[in-house]
Amino acid sequence: MRYIVVILVMLMFVNVLGCKNPEAVPPDDAIEAENEAAETEKGMWLTDYDKAMAEAQKRDLPVLINFSGSDWCIWCIKLMDEVFDKEEFKAYAKDNLVLLNLDFPRKSTQSEEVQKANQALAERFEIEGFPTVILLNSKGEIIGQTGYREGGPKPYIEHLKQMVK
């Protein structure tokens, strides 16, 4: 019986040592910054306008802003599923666009700071419905506006190319 108690105590000790110290875990801001850096490298979506514009200026690329209601807007969900999540679109975007997703969820939560920033941009660009997709040049000037379009990534990419010309 004594051996069982000793073994249990040792197992609990080992388990405690294996747990991360909560103070050693990086703050949410550091994790978010790491995630955004990784996303930028992969050609994925940014969520900060200033960072997207800085990236666009650095790479001399247009910015595609997706104003979305990701967890309630059926057309936003269709656009993401049928176009933006497809490998063909991701491959095109990686070298040709800076992607910025400004979300207006109803079921999930966002920080008050993100909500205010997204709302200010929606007002600035006079967004009246979702999804609204705006293309900006690297100087921040609007070069086109669209939304959901049927047909998948290939026609959507062609549509974007026409707006960029």
Protein backbone atom coordinates (compact mmCIF):
# COMPACT_ATOMS: atom_id res chain seq x y z
CA MET A 1 0.00 0.00 0.00
CA ARG A 2 2.85 2.36 0.82
CA TYR A 3 4.30 1.84 -2.68
CA ILE A 4 1.02 2.78 -4.30
CA VAL A 5 0.87 6.04 -2.33
CA VAL A 6 4.49 6.84 -3.20
CA ILE A 7 3.85 6.15 -6.88
CA LEU A 8 0.70 8.32 -6.89
CA VAL A 9 2.56 11.19 -5.21
CA MET A 10 5.38 10.87 -7.74
CA LEU A 11 2.92 10.88 -10.65
CA MET A 12 1.21 14.00 -9.33
CA PHE A 13 4.61 15.69 -8.91
CA VAL A 14 5.63 14.82 -12.46
CA ASN A 15 2.26 16.07 -13.75
CA VAL A 16 2.67 19.40 -11.93
CA LEU A 17 6.17 19.85 -13.34
CA GLY A 18 4.88 19.17 -16.86
CA CYS A 19 2.21 21.90 -16.65
CA LYS A 20 3.04 25.31 -18.01
CA ASN A 21 3.36 28.16 -15.60
CA PRO A 22 0.45 30.50 -16.42
CA GLU A 23 2.76 33.49 -15.95
CA ALA A 24 5.10 32.04 -18.59
CA VAL A 25 2.35 31.89 -21.22
CA PRO A 26 2.64 34.88 -23.59
CA PRO A 27 -0.16 37.45 -23.42
CA ASP A 28 -2.96 37.30 -25.98
CA ASP A 29 -1.46 40.26 -27.88
CA ALA A 30 1.82 38.38 -28.39
CA ILE A 31 -0.02 35.27 -29.55
CA GLU A 32 -2.18 37.34 -31.92
CA ALA A 33 0.91 39.07 -33.33
CA GLU A 34 2.58 35.70 -33.94
CA ASN A 35 -0.57 34.38 -35.62
CA GLU A 36 -0.86 37.45 -37.86
CA ALA A 37 2.80 37.19 -38.86
CA ALA A 38 2.31 33.52 -39.74
CA GLU A 39 -0.89 34.33 -41.63
CA THR A 40 0.80 37.09 -43.64
CA GLU A 41 3.54 34.69 -44.69
CA LYS A 42 0.94 32.21 -45.90
CA GLY A 43 -1.12 34.86 -47.69
CA MET A 44 -3.94 34.54 -45.18
CA TRP A 45 -6.25 37.12 -43.69
CA LEU A 46 -5.12 40.02 -41.54
CA THR A 47 -7.55 41.71 -39.18
CA ASP A 48 -5.85 45.08 -38.65
CA TYR A 49 -6.27 47.80 -41.28
CA ASP A 50 -3.00 49.58 -40.51
CA LYS A 51 -1.00 46.35 -40.71
CA ALA A 52 -2.70 45.44 -43.99
CA MET A 53 -1.92 48.86 -45.48
CA ALA A 54 1.70 48.66 -44.32
CA GLU A 55 2.01 45.24 -45.95
CA ALA A 56 0.37 46.54 -49.15
CA GLN A 57 2.79 49.46 -49.34
CA LYS A 58 5.77 47.23 -48.61
CA ARG A 59 4.79 44.74 -51.33
CA ASP A 60 3.05 47.25 -53.66
CA LEU A 61 -0.12 45.16 -53.75
CA PRO A 62 -3.83 45.95 -53.56
CA VAL A 63 -5.74 45.23 -50.38
CA LEU A 64 -8.88 43.12 -50.53
CA ILE A 65 -11.11 44.05 -47.59
CA ASN A 66 -13.82 41.53 -46.79
CA PHE A 67 -16.56 43.09 -44.64
CA SER A 68 -18.24 39.98 -43.28
CA GLY A 69 -20.75 38.65 -40.82
CA SER A 70 -18.93 35.35 -40.59
CA ASP A 71 -21.23 33.56 -38.18
CA TRP A 72 -24.67 34.72 -39.34
CA CYS A 73 -24.57 36.08 -42.91
CA ILE A 74 -25.35 33.24 -45.33
CA TRP A 75 -23.78 35.05 -48.33
CA CYS A 76 -20.62 35.79 -46.32
CA ILE A 77 -20.35 32.14 -45.36
CA LYS A 78 -20.92 31.08 -48.99
CA LEU A 79 -18.26 33.52 -50.23
CA MET A 80 -15.74 32.18 -47.74
CA ASP A 81 -16.59 28.52 -48.47
CA GLU A 82 -16.91 28.80 -52.26
CA VAL A 83 -14.10 31.27 -53.00
CA PHE A 84 -11.81 32.48 -50.24
CA ASP A 85 -11.17 29.07 -48.64
CA LYS A 86 -10.31 27.41 -51.97
CA GLU A 87 -6.66 26.65 -52.78
CA GLU A 88 -6.92 28.37 -56.17
CA PHE A 89 -7.90 31.65 -54.53
CA LYS A 90 -5.29 31.30 -51.78
CA ALA A 91 -2.57 30.69 -54.38
CA TYR A 92 -3.64 33.79 -56.32
CA ALA A 93 -3.95 35.97 -53.22
CA LYS A 94 -0.56 34.97 -51.86
CA ASP A 95 1.27 36.84 -54.64
CA ASN A 96 -1.35 39.37 -55.73
CA LEU A 97 -3.31 40.67 -52.75
CA VAL A 98 -3.12 41.63 -49.12
CA LEU A 99 -6.19 40.13 -47.46
CA LEU A 100 -8.02 41.99 -44.70
CA ASN A 101 -11.04 40.48 -42.99
CA LEU A 102 -13.22 42.87 -41.00
CA ASP A 103 -15.78 40.75 -39.22
CA PHE A 104 -19.07 41.70 -37.61
CA PRO A 105 -20.09 38.49 -35.80
CA ARG A 106 -23.25 38.09 -33.76
CA LYS A 107 -22.59 34.76 -32.05
CA SER A 108 -18.89 35.02 -31.26
CA THR A 109 -17.20 37.81 -29.36
CA GLN A 110 -14.58 40.36 -30.28
CA SER A 111 -12.70 42.82 -28.14
CA GLU A 112 -14.27 46.26 -27.85
CA GLU A 113 -11.20 47.70 -29.59
CA VAL A 114 -11.69 45.44 -32.65
CA GLN A 115 -15.42 46.18 -32.75
CA LYS A 116 -14.79 49.94 -32.73
CA ALA A 117 -12.06 49.73 -35.37
CA ASN A 118 -14.21 47.57 -37.66
CA GLN A 119 -17.24 49.84 -37.18
CA ALA A 120 -15.18 52.94 -37.97
CA LEU A 121 -13.96 51.33 -41.20
CA ALA A 122 -17.49 50.24 -42.12
CA GLU A 123 -18.61 53.86 -41.72
CA ARG A 124 -15.59 55.20 -43.60
CA PHE A 125 -16.28 52.92 -46.58
CA GLU A 126 -20.09 53.37 -46.27
CA ILE A 127 -20.82 49.66 -45.91
CA GLU A 128 -24.54 49.00 -46.20
CA GLY A 129 -24.64 45.20 -46.39
CA PHE A 130 -22.66 42.02 -46.07
CA PRO A 131 -20.61 40.70 -47.65
CA THR A 132 -19.00 43.77 -49.13
CA VAL A 133 -15.58 43.34 -50.70
CA ILE A 134 -13.54 46.45 -51.38
CA LEU A 135 -10.27 46.64 -53.27
CA LEU A 136 -7.83 49.39 -52.35
CA ASN A 137 -4.59 50.26 -54.05
CA SER A 138 -1.46 50.39 -51.90
CA LYS A 139 -2.16 54.10 -51.26
CA GLY A 140 -5.53 53.30 -49.71
CA GLU A 141 -7.66 54.51 -52.62
CA ILE A 142 -10.74 52.49 -53.62
CA ILE A 143 -10.26 50.75 -56.96
CA GLY A 144 -13.30 48.49 -56.86
CA GLN A 145 -16.19 47.10 -54.85
CA THR A 146 -18.02 43.79 -55.11
CA GLY A 147 -19.60 41.10 -52.98
CA TYR A 148 -20.67 37.49 -53.33
CA ARG A 149 -20.53 36.12 -56.88
CA GLU A 150 -21.43 32.62 -57.99
CA GLY A 151 -19.02 30.37 -59.81
CA GLY A 152 -16.19 29.68 -57.41
CA PRO A 153 -12.62 30.96 -57.29
CA LYS A 154 -11.74 31.12 -61.01
CA PRO A 155 -14.40 33.65 -62.10
CA TYR A 156 -13.98 35.56 -58.85
CA ILE A 157 -10.24 35.92 -59.47
CA GLU A 158 -10.93 37.12 -63.02
CA HIS A 159 -13.44 39.63 -61.66
CA LEU A 160 -10.81 40.94 -59.20
CA LYS A 161 -8.18 41.15 -61.94
CA GLN A 162 -10.53 43.32 -64.02
CA MET A 163 -11.05 45.69 -61.08
CA VAL A 164 -7.31 45.96 -60.42
CA LYS A 165 -6.49 46.93 -64.04
